[in-house]
């Protein structure tokens, strides 16, 4: 490959405009779980015949076993990961969602039986103006916070404003919102900067939960408080040990929850987490514990009666390069790593054969099709040509012998340590020396969001399959810390485009731009697992993505 033509394929695809996606079919509707429509073709009946022979009696129908009915009562111990450091979800990403989610509600939510359907939660209905720029939410009446104070539209307005502040890690999900108004105590109006096809999906996300205005105004945050409107309320919080919840008898969805309570055991070590479940000290594992295939295989051997649920957490494995620091501020260096990374080997080694190759932090119908991705530089097999080009680029950038990088990762998640070790192996193929900088959850999270690292190996998730749910990996300010006006332009344009096919073209152009600039390396998308014992009913994850499963235990019940 001649100098200057590193990403010739990508550049060609970008140069021909939107031809790549222009030939793509329109996005298909989500398949329905309903039965197919009955045929309108008449079925001919058999000709009538005379017979004097006695007809055999029809066999008695075998009665179907009665479906198990939910039972009330019981407390379910659940294995969770390390203590998050505080309880203010609106100021912290990570597995905190599984602890906070059961006690809170959102304006909207995803339907429990349909991962793509948005339904009401604290809102009982909503309307959209003809120009698509004003959403009116009619909020439920007579809802109270756990401390007895009434929930009103003022709380909803306060939360929207807090969620869109710079300090909020979820501000990128609500970029379309310009302001919120409350014409009365039960109506919230959201005025948008532009029509947004994804706004309901973003509001339904399990991260967008509402906190009590009066508590935050009195205390400044929710780091030490747990006061929601959800199905469970706080009994006791013992940092680094456990968090105990009890049933909210005044929960507005009548008949729920079934359990009297839940106890989350906060365990840092993965081996200890699995052992505690295996010996029966817990009924299930939390959606905040990203168990992987090796863990599931081990559990099948050690506890064959355990129920193992595959769980799509919309999670990838990613290698970040801090482009504000040398030598990552040189696109040639970033491209070298992008080229050298063996995605197929990552699935084989890290996922033990389970995983999916995607170009960037996008999945679903909007992402570049896999068959096209596998033809791009960095994704092709074998790796010889890509790695030769990577070494040439490093030499051209002034690093013929490579350089050293220290990779931040989360020490209390074994899968991230394994990812860091795999990253070191990949970097070594082109002469770069990588060392692992493992940190406990609170320290890691703080450094992650301040982009206080030279490089980082981590497994982030996206909020949903809509491109706007991946805002923090594209639009500025973004999590990897890069600044790209062209990506900002494309992201803003796609977010404002209501036509699905036109929007798909823009999103694919945006993906190609990110690949060309090699802002980060998406190693692969992985699958996680949730463990439960047979007496735990309705424990299968029902929604895609961890935050959308964070209220799973609302519907769980114990058979004995």
Protein backbone atom coordinates (compact mmCIF):
# COMPACT_ATOMS: atom_id res chain seq x y z
CA UNK A 1 0.00 0.00 0.00
CA UNK A 2 1.52 3.33 -0.98
CA UNK A 3 2.10 6.14 1.44
CA UNK A 4 -1.00 8.24 2.14
CA UNK A 5 -3.34 5.45 1.09
CA UNK A 6 -3.67 3.66 4.45
CA UNK A 7 -7.39 3.67 4.52
CA UNK A 8 -7.92 3.67 0.78
CA UNK A 9 -11.04 1.55 1.08
CA UNK A 10 -12.58 3.82 3.70
CA UNK A 11 -11.62 6.97 1.84
CA UNK A 12 -13.09 5.59 -1.36
CA UNK A 13 -16.32 4.75 0.37
CA UNK A 14 -16.49 8.23 1.87
CA UNK A 15 -15.48 9.87 -1.38
CA UNK A 16 -18.35 8.37 -3.31
CA UNK A 17 -20.70 10.02 -0.85
CA UNK A 18 -23.43 7.81 0.41
CA UNK A 19 -23.29 5.06 -2.17
CA UNK A 20 -22.51 2.50 0.53
CA UNK A 21 -25.83 2.95 2.24
CA UNK A 22 -27.76 4.21 -0.72
CA UNK A 23 -28.15 0.66 -1.94
CA UNK A 24 -29.18 -0.57 1.48
CA UNK A 25 -32.77 -1.58 2.03
CA UNK A 26 -34.98 0.49 4.25
CA UNK A 27 -34.85 -0.47 7.90
CA UNK A 28 -37.09 -3.41 8.49
CA UNK A 29 -39.74 -3.16 11.19
CA UNK A 30 -39.09 -5.10 14.37
CA UNK A 31 -40.58 -8.58 14.02
CA UNK A 32 -43.74 -8.98 16.04
CA UNK A 33 -44.37 -11.77 18.48
CA UNK A 34 -47.99 -11.94 17.36
CA UNK A 35 -49.35 -14.84 15.33
CA UNK A 36 -49.47 -14.40 11.54
CA UNK A 37 -52.73 -13.16 10.09
CA UNK A 38 -55.25 -15.85 9.20
CA UNK A 39 -55.37 -16.85 5.53
CA UNK A 40 -58.25 -15.43 3.47
CA UNK A 41 -58.12 -18.34 1.01
CA UNK A 42 -61.17 -20.58 1.61
CA UNK A 43 -60.32 -24.14 2.58
CA UNK A 44 -62.44 -26.59 0.60
CA UNK A 45 -64.48 -28.96 2.72
CA UNK A 46 -64.55 -32.71 2.15
CA UNK A 47 -67.51 -33.97 0.19
CA UNK A 48 -70.46 -35.12 2.32
CA UNK A 49 -70.92 -38.93 2.43
CA UNK A 50 -73.57 -41.27 3.84
CA UNK A 51 -72.37 -43.88 6.31
CA UNK A 52 -74.16 -46.13 8.73
CA UNK A 53 -70.97 -47.26 10.44
CA UNK A 54 -70.56 -45.91 13.93
CA UNK A 55 -68.01 -43.11 14.17
CA UNK A 56 -65.15 -43.58 16.59
CA UNK A 57 -65.23 -41.35 19.59
CA UNK A 58 -62.83 -38.42 19.50
CA UNK A 59 -59.89 -38.91 21.83
CA UNK A 60 -60.07 -36.94 25.02
CA UNK A 61 -57.97 -33.83 24.96
CA UNK A 62 -54.93 -33.94 27.21
CA UNK A 63 -55.35 -31.19 29.73
CA UNK A 64 -52.56 -28.62 29.73
CA UNK A 65 -50.80 -28.13 33.01
CA UNK A 66 -51.90 -24.97 34.72
CA UNK A 67 -49.41 -22.18 34.42
CA UNK A 68 -47.60 -21.37 37.64
CA UNK A 69 -49.08 -18.32 39.24
CA UNK A 70 -46.83 -15.67 40.80
CA UNK A 71 -46.47 -15.89 44.55
CA UNK A 72 -45.97 -13.05 46.95
CA UNK A 73 -43.37 -12.90 49.67
CA UNK A 74 -39.77 -13.77 50.32
CA UNK A 75 -36.49 -11.90 50.16
CA UNK A 76 -34.08 -12.60 47.31
CA UNK A 77 -30.34 -12.28 47.97
CA UNK A 78 -28.54 -11.11 44.81
CA UNK A 79 -24.83 -11.09 44.03
CA UNK A 80 -23.67 -7.67 42.81
CA UNK A 81 -20.26 -6.26 41.93
CA UNK A 82 -18.10 -3.93 43.99
CA UNK A 83 -19.52 -0.96 45.85
CA UNK A 84 -20.02 1.97 43.43
CA UNK A 85 -18.85 4.60 45.92
CA UNK A 86 -22.18 6.47 46.05
CA UNK A 87 -25.83 6.20 44.97
CA UNK A 88 -26.30 9.20 42.65
CA UNK A 89 -26.95 7.52 39.30
CA UNK A 90 -27.32 10.87 37.54
CA UNK A 91 -23.66 11.54 38.26
CA UNK A 92 -22.13 8.11 37.69
CA UNK A 93 -22.23 5.41 35.04
CA UNK A 94 -21.49 1.78 35.68
CA UNK A 95 -23.15 -1.07 37.59
CA UNK A 96 -24.75 1.42 39.98
CA UNK A 97 -27.84 1.19 37.75
CA UNK A 98 -28.66 -2.31 39.05
CA UNK A 99 -28.70 -1.04 42.65
CA UNK A 100 -30.58 2.19 42.03
CA UNK A 101 -32.99 1.03 39.31
CA UNK A 102 -35.32 -1.07 41.51
CA UNK A 103 -36.22 1.96 43.60
CA UNK A 104 -36.87 4.51 40.87
CA UNK A 105 -39.11 5.27 37.90
CA UNK A 106 -38.70 7.18 34.66
CA UNK A 107 -41.02 9.29 32.56
CA UNK A 108 -41.23 6.39 30.08
CA UNK A 109 -39.91 2.82 30.01
CA UNK A 110 -39.59 -0.17 27.69
CA UNK A 111 -42.39 -2.69 27.58
CA UNK A 112 -41.57 -5.82 29.57
CA UNK A 113 -42.39 -8.09 26.61
CA UNK A 114 -41.13 -6.02 23.68
CA UNK A 115 -37.57 -4.68 23.67
CA UNK A 116 -38.39 -2.06 21.04
CA UNK A 117 -41.69 -0.76 22.40
CA UNK A 118 -41.76 2.38 24.55
CA UNK A 119 -44.59 2.63 27.08
CA UNK A 120 -45.56 4.91 29.94
CA UNK A 121 -44.09 4.93 33.43
CA UNK A 122 -44.57 8.11 35.51
CA UNK A 123 -46.31 9.58 32.47
CA UNK A 124 -49.75 8.10 31.79
CA UNK A 125 -49.75 9.36 28.18
CA UNK A 126 -47.95 11.78 25.89
CA UNK A 127 -48.52 13.86 22.78
CA UNK A 128 -46.25 15.34 20.11
CA UNK A 129 -46.84 18.63 18.29
CA UNK A 130 -47.35 18.61 14.52
CA UNK A 131 -43.84 19.99 13.95
CA UNK A 132 -42.32 17.34 16.24
CA UNK A 133 -40.67 19.91 18.49
CA UNK A 134 -42.92 19.85 21.57
CA UNK A 135 -43.61 16.76 23.68
CA UNK A 136 -46.38 16.99 26.27
CA UNK A 137 -46.33 14.39 29.03
CA UNK A 138 -49.41 13.95 31.22
CA UNK A 139 -48.04 12.65 34.52
CA UNK A 140 -49.79 10.27 36.87
CA UNK A 141 -51.57 11.81 39.82
CA UNK A 142 -51.32 10.83 43.48
CA UNK A 143 -47.81 9.37 43.23
CA UNK A 144 -45.59 9.80 46.26
CA UNK A 145 -41.88 9.50 46.88
CA UNK A 146 -40.72 6.91 49.37
CA UNK A 147 -40.60 9.60 52.06
CA UNK A 148 -44.27 10.48 51.52
CA UNK A 149 -43.76 13.74 49.61
CA UNK A 150 -45.90 14.13 46.46
CA UNK A 151 -44.34 13.66 43.02
CA UNK A 152 -45.19 16.56 40.66
CA UNK A 153 -44.23 17.95 37.28
CA UNK A 154 -41.75 20.22 39.08
CA UNK A 155 -39.76 17.09 39.97
CA UNK A 156 -39.78 15.95 36.35
CA UNK A 157 -38.63 19.36 35.10
CA UNK A 158 -35.89 19.49 37.71
CA UNK A 159 -34.61 16.06 36.65
CA UNK A 160 -34.58 16.87 32.93
CA UNK A 161 -32.53 19.97 33.68
CA UNK A 162 -30.14 18.05 35.95
CA UNK A 163 -29.76 15.23 33.41
CA UNK A 164 -28.82 17.70 30.67
CA UNK A 165 -26.19 19.52 32.75
CA UNK A 166 -22.54 19.21 31.79
CA UNK A 167 -21.88 17.13 34.92
CA UNK A 168 -24.38 14.49 33.81
CA UNK A 169 -22.89 11.46 32.03
CA UNK A 170 -26.26 11.12 30.24
CA UNK A 171 -26.48 14.61 28.75
CA UNK A 172 -25.67 13.21 25.31
CA UNK A 173 -28.88 11.19 25.36
CA UNK A 174 -31.00 14.34 25.63
CA UNK A 175 -29.16 16.63 23.21
CA UNK A 176 -32.41 17.53 21.45
CA UNK A 177 -33.98 19.05 24.58
CA UNK A 178 -33.87 22.85 24.69
CA UNK A 179 -35.98 23.49 27.80
CA UNK A 180 -38.68 22.06 30.05
CA UNK A 181 -41.84 23.78 31.28
CA UNK A 182 -44.62 22.82 33.69
CA UNK A 183 -47.97 24.51 32.90
CA UNK A 184 -49.51 22.67 35.88
CA UNK A 185 -48.61 20.13 38.55
CA UNK A 186 -49.22 17.14 36.28
CA UNK A 187 -47.98 18.29 32.86
CA UNK A 188 -44.39 18.39 31.61
CA UNK A 189 -43.64 20.06 28.28
CA UNK A 190 -40.31 19.40 26.59
CA UNK A 191 -39.37 21.90 23.89
CA UNK A 192 -36.82 20.51 21.42
CA UNK A 193 -34.17 22.26 19.35
CA UNK A 194 -35.17 20.02 16.44
CA UNK A 195 -37.54 17.10 15.81
CA UNK A 196 -36.04 13.95 17.32
CA UNK A 197 -37.13 10.48 16.32
CA UNK A 198 -35.21 8.96 19.21
CA UNK A 199 -36.43 11.07 22.14
CA UNK A 200 -38.98 8.53 23.49
CA UNK A 201 -36.33 5.77 23.33
CA UNK A 202 -33.86 7.92 25.24
CA UNK A 203 -36.40 8.83 27.93
CA UNK A 204 -37.35 5.16 28.29
CA UNK A 205 -33.76 4.15 28.94
CA UNK A 206 -33.07 2.70 32.36
CA UNK A 207 -30.47 5.37 33.11
CA UNK A 208 -33.01 8.20 32.83
CA UNK A 209 -34.61 7.82 36.26
CA UNK A 210 -36.16 10.61 38.32
CA UNK A 211 -34.86 11.76 41.70
CA UNK A 212 -36.74 13.87 44.30
CA UNK A 213 -36.20 17.59 43.81
CA UNK A 214 -36.68 18.34 47.50
CA UNK A 215 -33.91 15.96 48.62
CA UNK A 216 -31.33 17.25 46.13
CA UNK A 217 -32.15 20.87 46.96
CA UNK A 218 -31.68 20.11 50.66
CA UNK A 219 -28.55 17.95 50.40
CA UNK A 220 -26.95 18.85 47.07
CA UNK A 221 -26.98 15.37 45.55
CA UNK A 222 -28.25 11.80 46.00
CA UNK A 223 -24.92 10.20 46.87
CA UNK A 224 -26.08 9.00 50.29
CA UNK A 225 -29.86 8.93 49.77
CA UNK A 226 -32.21 6.44 48.15
CA UNK A 227 -35.65 8.03 47.72
CA UNK A 228 -37.64 7.14 44.61
CA UNK A 229 -41.13 6.25 43.43
CA UNK A 230 -40.25 2.71 42.35
CA UNK A 231 -41.28 -0.76 43.57
CA UNK A 232 -38.59 -1.06 46.25
CA UNK A 233 -37.30 1.33 48.88
CA UNK A 234 -34.20 1.44 51.03
CA UNK A 235 -33.94 -0.52 54.26
CA UNK A 236 -30.19 -0.33 54.87
CA UNK A 237 -27.00 0.50 53.01
CA UNK A 238 -23.72 -0.85 54.36
CA UNK A 239 -21.01 0.46 52.02
CA UNK A 240 -18.79 -2.26 50.56
CA UNK A 241 -21.00 -4.93 52.19
CA UNK A 242 -24.66 -4.84 51.15
CA UNK A 243 -27.67 -2.80 50.10
CA UNK A 244 -31.06 -3.96 51.41
CA UNK A 245 -34.37 -3.00 49.81
CA UNK A 246 -37.93 -3.66 50.97
CA UNK A 247 -41.21 -3.66 49.11
CA UNK A 248 -42.83 -0.28 48.46
CA UNK A 249 -46.43 -0.95 49.51
CA UNK A 250 -47.50 2.29 47.80
CA UNK A 251 -46.00 1.52 44.38
CA UNK A 252 -48.34 2.87 41.70
CA UNK A 253 -48.37 -0.33 39.58
CA UNK A 254 -50.81 -2.38 41.60
CA UNK A 255 -49.88 -5.99 42.31
CA UNK A 256 -46.13 -5.36 42.02
CA UNK A 257 -43.57 -6.19 43.24
CA UNK A 258 -43.98 -9.81 44.30
CA UNK A 259 -40.96 -9.98 46.60
CA UNK A 260 -40.97 -8.57 50.12
CA UNK A 261 -37.42 -7.43 49.62
CA UNK A 262 -34.03 -7.78 48.00
CA UNK A 263 -30.51 -7.81 49.42
CA UNK A 264 -27.61 -6.98 47.12
CA UNK A 265 -24.30 -8.36 48.35
CA UNK A 266 -21.47 -6.10 47.17
CA UNK A 267 -18.60 -8.43 46.24
CA UNK A 268 -15.50 -7.23 44.45
CA UNK A 269 -13.87 -10.51 43.45
CA UNK A 270 -15.35 -12.51 40.56
CA UNK A 271 -14.32 -15.88 41.99
CA UNK A 272 -16.03 -15.01 45.26
CA UNK A 273 -19.14 -13.80 43.41
CA UNK A 274 -19.52 -17.10 41.58
CA UNK A 275 -18.73 -19.19 44.66
CA UNK A 276 -21.30 -17.31 46.76
CA UNK A 277 -23.98 -18.04 44.17
CA UNK A 278 -22.93 -21.65 43.68
CA UNK A 279 -23.18 -22.54 47.39
CA UNK A 280 -26.63 -20.96 47.63
CA UNK A 281 -25.85 -17.71 49.46
CA UNK A 282 -27.77 -15.86 46.74
CA UNK A 283 -30.76 -16.59 44.53
CA UNK A 284 -29.40 -14.87 41.43
CA UNK A 285 -26.69 -12.62 40.06
CA UNK A 286 -27.25 -8.96 39.26
CA UNK A 287 -27.56 -7.51 35.75
CA UNK A 288 -24.67 -5.31 36.90
CA UNK A 289 -22.32 -8.31 37.01
CA UNK A 290 -21.11 -8.97 33.45
CA UNK A 291 -20.50 -12.71 33.69
CA UNK A 292 -18.96 -14.18 30.54
CA UNK A 293 -18.83 -17.52 28.75
CA UNK A 294 -15.99 -18.97 30.87
CA UNK A 295 -18.07 -18.19 33.97
CA UNK A 296 -21.15 -19.83 32.41
CA UNK A 297 -19.17 -22.93 31.39
CA UNK A 298 -17.78 -23.24 34.92
CA UNK A 299 -21.25 -22.90 36.44
CA UNK A 300 -22.66 -25.62 34.15
CA UNK A 301 -20.02 -28.00 35.52
CA UNK A 302 -20.20 -27.01 39.18
CA UNK A 303 -23.93 -26.39 39.50
CA UNK A 304 -25.84 -28.12 36.67
CA UNK A 305 -29.21 -27.21 38.21
CA UNK A 306 -28.54 -23.48 37.95
CA UNK A 307 -30.43 -21.55 35.28
CA UNK A 308 -28.12 -19.62 32.96
CA UNK A 309 -29.68 -16.76 31.00
CA UNK A 310 -27.85 -15.18 28.03
CA UNK A 311 -28.05 -11.43 28.44
CA UNK A 312 -27.50 -8.85 25.69
CA UNK A 313 -25.97 -5.93 27.58
CA UNK A 314 -25.16 -4.06 24.33
CA UNK A 315 -21.57 -4.18 25.50
CA UNK A 316 -18.35 -4.10 23.49
CA UNK A 317 -14.67 -4.40 24.28
CA UNK A 318 -12.86 -1.19 23.41
CA UNK A 319 -9.28 0.12 23.38
CA UNK A 320 -9.14 3.88 23.93
CA UNK A 321 -6.28 6.15 22.86
CA UNK A 322 -6.10 9.57 24.52
CA UNK A 323 -5.72 11.77 21.44
CA UNK A 324 -4.88 14.80 23.58
CA UNK A 325 -1.53 13.16 24.42
CA UNK A 326 1.46 12.24 22.27
CA UNK A 327 1.84 10.07 20.36
CA UNK A 328 -1.91 9.35 20.06
CA UNK A 329 -2.48 12.87 18.72
CA UNK A 330 -0.89 11.63 15.48
CA UNK A 331 -3.53 9.89 13.35
CA UNK A 332 -0.87 7.63 11.86
CA UNK A 333 -0.18 6.13 15.31
CA UNK A 334 -3.88 5.57 15.99
CA UNK A 335 -4.33 4.01 12.56
CA UNK A 336 -1.43 1.66 13.23
CA UNK A 337 -3.16 0.23 16.32
CA UNK A 338 -6.50 0.10 14.50
CA UNK A 339 -4.88 -1.95 11.73
CA UNK A 340 -2.93 -4.26 14.01
CA UNK A 341 -5.84 -5.38 16.21
CA UNK A 342 -7.05 -8.90 15.44
CA UNK A 343 -10.82 -8.85 16.10
CA UNK A 344 -11.31 -12.49 15.17
CA UNK A 345 -8.64 -13.55 17.65
CA UNK A 346 -10.28 -11.41 20.32
CA UNK A 347 -13.54 -13.34 19.95
CA UNK A 348 -11.68 -16.65 20.04
CA UNK A 349 -9.47 -15.78 23.03
CA UNK A 350 -11.63 -13.46 25.12
CA UNK A 351 -15.10 -14.68 24.17
CA UNK A 352 -14.18 -18.34 23.66
CA UNK A 353 -15.86 -18.17 20.28
CA UNK A 354 -18.80 -16.00 21.38
CA UNK A 355 -18.89 -12.45 20.05
CA UNK A 356 -19.69 -10.21 17.13
CA UNK A 357 -17.54 -7.96 14.96
CA UNK A 358 -18.80 -4.41 14.47
CA UNK A 359 -16.97 -1.37 13.15
CA UNK A 360 -17.59 1.06 16.00
CA UNK A 361 -19.83 1.53 19.04
CA UNK A 362 -22.97 1.00 16.99
CA UNK A 363 -25.05 -2.13 16.69
CA UNK A 364 -28.41 -3.03 15.20
CA UNK A 365 -29.87 -1.95 11.88
CA UNK A 366 -28.07 1.41 11.74
CA UNK A 367 -24.55 -0.03 11.98
CA UNK A 368 -22.40 -0.89 8.99
CA UNK A 369 -23.28 -4.43 7.84
CA UNK A 370 -20.84 -7.09 8.98
CA UNK A 371 -20.11 -8.26 5.43
CA UNK A 372 -18.91 -4.76 4.54
CA UNK A 373 -17.00 -4.31 7.79
CA UNK A 374 -14.95 -7.47 7.19
CA UNK A 375 -13.59 -5.97 3.96
CA UNK A 376 -12.22 -2.86 5.68
CA UNK A 377 -8.63 -2.28 6.83
CA UNK A 378 -8.10 -3.68 10.29
CA UNK A 379 -10.91 -6.22 10.02
CA UNK A 380 -9.54 -8.41 7.24
CA UNK A 381 -7.83 -11.76 7.59
CA UNK A 382 -4.99 -12.67 7.55
CA UNK A 383 -3.34 -9.84 9.52
CA UNK A 384 0.07 -9.82 7.79
CA UNK A 385 -0.61 -6.98 5.37
CA UNK A 386 -2.38 -4.80 7.94
CA UNK A 387 0.42 -5.20 10.48
CA UNK A 388 3.11 -4.49 7.91
CA UNK A 389 1.30 -1.26 7.06
CA UNK A 390 0.93 -0.49 10.78
CA UNK A 391 4.70 -0.79 11.34
CA UNK A 392 5.34 1.44 8.32
CA UNK A 393 2.99 4.08 9.73
CA UNK A 394 4.71 4.00 13.13
CA UNK A 395 8.10 4.46 11.47
CA UNK A 396 6.74 7.33 9.40
CA UNK A 397 5.40 8.95 12.58
CA UNK A 398 8.86 8.72 14.20
CA UNK A 399 8.43 5.51 16.23
CA UNK A 400 10.25 2.78 14.30
CA UNK A 401 11.00 0.99 17.61
CA UNK A 402 7.55 1.64 19.04
CA UNK A 403 6.85 3.31 22.41
CA UNK A 404 5.35 2.49 25.80
CA UNK A 405 1.77 3.02 26.99
CA UNK A 406 0.13 2.45 30.36
CA UNK A 407 -3.41 1.05 29.99
CA UNK A 408 -6.00 2.02 32.59
CA UNK A 409 -8.57 -0.68 33.36
CA UNK A 410 -10.90 -1.81 36.12
CA UNK A 411 -9.12 -4.17 38.51
CA UNK A 412 -12.26 -5.69 40.06
CA UNK A 413 -13.53 -7.04 36.72
CA UNK A 414 -11.39 -10.01 35.56
CA UNK A 415 -12.66 -9.68 31.98
CA UNK A 416 -11.16 -6.19 31.75
CA UNK A 417 -7.82 -7.42 33.03
CA UNK A 418 -7.94 -10.13 30.36
CA UNK A 419 -8.81 -7.48 27.75
CA UNK A 420 -5.83 -5.38 28.86
CA UNK A 421 -3.51 -8.37 28.58
CA UNK A 422 -4.89 -9.14 25.13
CA UNK A 423 -4.38 -5.47 24.16
CA UNK A 424 -0.76 -5.70 25.28
CA UNK A 425 -0.30 -8.72 23.00
CA UNK A 426 -1.85 -6.87 20.05
CA UNK A 427 0.32 -3.79 20.59
CA UNK A 428 3.42 -5.94 20.85
CA UNK A 429 2.91 -7.19 17.27
CA UNK A 430 3.90 -3.71 16.04
CA UNK A 431 6.50 -2.92 18.69
CA UNK A 432 4.39 -1.01 21.25
CA UNK A 433 4.85 -1.97 24.91
CA UNK A 434 1.64 -1.93 26.96
CA UNK A 435 1.42 -2.32 30.75
CA UNK A 436 -1.77 -2.76 32.78
CA UNK A 437 -2.87 -0.05 35.22
CA UNK A 438 -5.68 -1.75 37.16
CA UNK A 439 -7.73 0.41 39.52
CA UNK A 440 -10.71 -0.27 41.78
CA UNK A 441 -14.16 0.85 40.65
CA UNK A 442 -14.46 4.40 42.12
CA UNK A 443 -10.90 5.39 41.17
CA UNK A 444 -11.20 3.87 37.71
CA UNK A 445 -14.55 5.55 37.05
CA UNK A 446 -13.28 8.95 38.13
CA UNK A 447 -10.21 8.71 35.89
CA UNK A 448 -12.23 7.28 33.01
CA UNK A 449 -14.59 10.22 32.80
CA UNK A 450 -11.85 12.78 33.28
CA UNK A 451 -9.93 11.04 30.45
CA UNK A 452 -7.05 10.75 32.89
CA UNK A 453 -5.14 7.98 31.14
CA UNK A 454 -2.70 7.43 28.30
CA UNK A 455 -4.68 4.49 26.99
CA UNK A 456 -7.52 2.39 28.40
CA UNK A 457 -9.02 -1.07 27.93
CA UNK A 458 -12.64 -1.33 28.98
CA UNK A 459 -16.05 -2.80 28.14
CA UNK A 460 -18.56 0.04 27.81
CA UNK A 461 -22.15 -0.36 26.68
CA UNK A 462 -24.52 1.72 24.61
CA UNK A 463 -27.94 2.64 25.92
CA UNK A 464 -29.97 1.23 23.02
CA UNK A 465 -29.59 0.37 19.34
CA UNK A 466 -30.46 3.90 18.20
CA UNK A 467 -27.43 6.01 17.14
CA UNK A 468 -28.44 8.69 19.63
CA UNK A 469 -27.98 6.08 22.35
CA UNK A 470 -24.29 6.01 21.39
CA UNK A 471 -23.88 9.80 21.50
CA UNK A 472 -21.03 9.61 24.00
CA UNK A 473 -18.90 7.72 21.47
CA UNK A 474 -19.40 10.23 18.67
CA UNK A 475 -20.65 13.74 19.49
CA UNK A 476 -18.46 16.17 21.42
CA UNK A 477 -17.92 16.10 24.32
CA UNK A 478 -17.51 12.35 24.01
CA UNK A 479 -16.19 9.66 26.31
CA UNK A 480 -12.99 8.87 24.36
CA UNK A 481 -12.10 12.58 24.49
CA UNK A 482 -11.53 13.22 20.78
CA UNK A 483 -12.74 16.33 18.95
CA UNK A 484 -13.88 16.02 15.35
CA UNK A 485 -16.09 18.77 13.85
CA UNK A 486 -17.02 16.54 10.91
CA UNK A 487 -18.33 13.78 13.17
CA UNK A 488 -20.16 16.40 15.24
CA UNK A 489 -21.80 17.70 12.05
CA UNK A 490 -22.83 14.24 10.87
CA UNK A 491 -24.09 13.22 14.30
CA UNK A 492 -26.23 16.34 14.66
CA UNK A 493 -27.62 15.90 11.15
CA UNK A 494 -28.57 12.24 11.62
CA UNK A 495 -30.19 13.00 14.96
CA UNK A 496 -32.45 15.56 13.31
CA UNK A 497 -33.36 13.36 10.33
CA UNK A 498 -36.71 11.60 10.67
CA UNK A 499 -36.56 9.53 7.47
CA UNK A 500 -35.00 6.16 8.48
CA UNK A 501 -33.16 5.51 5.21
CA UNK A 502 -31.73 9.02 4.96
CA UNK A 503 -30.69 8.79 8.57
CA UNK A 504 -29.02 5.43 7.96
CA UNK A 505 -26.90 6.96 5.17
CA UNK A 506 -25.68 9.71 7.48
CA UNK A 507 -24.89 7.28 10.27
CA UNK A 508 -22.84 5.09 7.96
CA UNK A 509 -20.93 8.09 6.67
CA UNK A 510 -20.23 8.98 10.31
CA UNK A 511 -18.95 5.48 11.03
CA UNK A 512 -16.61 5.59 8.06
CA UNK A 513 -15.23 8.92 9.25
CA UNK A 514 -14.55 7.49 12.71
CA UNK A 515 -12.79 4.47 11.19
CA UNK A 516 -10.68 6.73 8.97
CA UNK A 517 -9.57 8.79 11.98
CA UNK A 518 -9.20 5.67 14.19
CA UNK A 519 -10.45 7.46 17.28
CA UNK A 520 -10.75 4.18 19.19
CA UNK A 521 -10.65 0.43 18.51
CA UNK A 522 -13.83 -1.60 18.94
CA UNK A 523 -12.39 -5.05 19.54
CA UNK A 524 -15.69 -6.96 19.47
CA UNK A 525 -19.18 -7.09 20.96
CA UNK A 526 -19.68 -9.75 23.60
CA UNK A 527 -22.46 -11.67 25.30
CA UNK A 528 -23.01 -11.82 29.05
CA UNK A 529 -24.93 -14.14 31.35
CA UNK A 530 -27.15 -13.98 34.41
CA UNK A 531 -27.39 -16.90 36.88
CA UNK A 532 -30.46 -17.86 38.90
CA UNK A 533 -31.68 -20.87 40.84
CA UNK A 534 -34.80 -22.69 39.55
CA UNK A 535 -37.06 -21.33 42.29
CA UNK A 536 -36.47 -17.79 41.02
CA UNK A 537 -39.21 -17.24 38.48
CA UNK A 538 -39.37 -14.61 35.75
CA UNK A 539 -35.64 -13.98 36.08
CA UNK A 540 -34.79 -14.04 32.36
CA UNK A 541 -33.59 -10.61 31.12
CA UNK A 542 -36.31 -9.04 29.00
CA UNK A 543 -34.68 -5.94 27.52
CA UNK A 544 -31.51 -5.24 25.55
CA UNK A 545 -28.86 -3.38 27.49
CA UNK A 546 -28.07 -3.45 31.22
CA UNK A 547 -29.84 -0.25 32.25
CA UNK A 548 -33.07 -1.44 30.68
CA UNK A 549 -32.94 -4.57 32.83
CA UNK A 550 -32.26 -2.68 36.05
CA UNK A 551 -35.83 -3.07 37.30
CA UNK A 552 -35.94 -6.77 36.45
CA UNK A 553 -36.54 -7.79 40.05
CA UNK A 554 -39.88 -5.96 40.09
CA UNK A 555 -41.35 -8.94 38.21
CA UNK A 556 -39.36 -11.70 39.94
CA UNK A 557 -41.07 -14.09 42.34
CA UNK A 558 -40.01 -17.12 44.36
CA UNK A 559 -41.66 -20.51 43.88
CA UNK A 560 -40.67 -21.57 47.36
